[in-house]
């Protein structure tokens, strides 16, 4: 298998260094995903910019993690599931929500469950959701803008999920306590 470089602040291409340094400042260390993205200055910039834009949506921290973790679980991304479990814990996402996201089970809160279901439908249909899918999402209290927010978050996570699959990014030690593996019996 082709081996990809996990860059350091010193080995990253010059155009990637500002994004690498930004990740170190944000996390206190250089996550392996960012270190791998650094191989392509365009990719490391795109991921950082899209992440910042996704933070500006009307979705709150818990809702954003639902989109990110649902997409990562469905894409079976062990790196992102471990990383986002840790981030969710740091952001005080309720433990029962994090558990539901990790195992693909229903979330007790009906509005949050509607978000998980809609995100899964976006994934399963490749965006070809039905009018009934949209209506269920709206009936839960979400908006047309939130439909697009979900697509943004799913696209953001697809960038990292696919990169992690191709590159086989090792899970950072900071995320190891939340290691995850795909569970075939999980529901969408």
Foldseek 3Di string as FASTA:
>chain_A
DDAADQADLVPQPPLLNVLQVVCCVVPVGRFSLLSRLSVDSVSSVVLVVLVVVLPPAPDDPLLLLLLLLLLCLVLFQQQSLLVSLVVCVVVVRDPQSNVCSQQQHADPQQLSSLSNVLSVQCVVVVNPDDPVNVVSNVVSPDDPSVNVSSVSSSVSNVSSRVSCVVNVRDHDPVRVVRGGGHDVVRDD
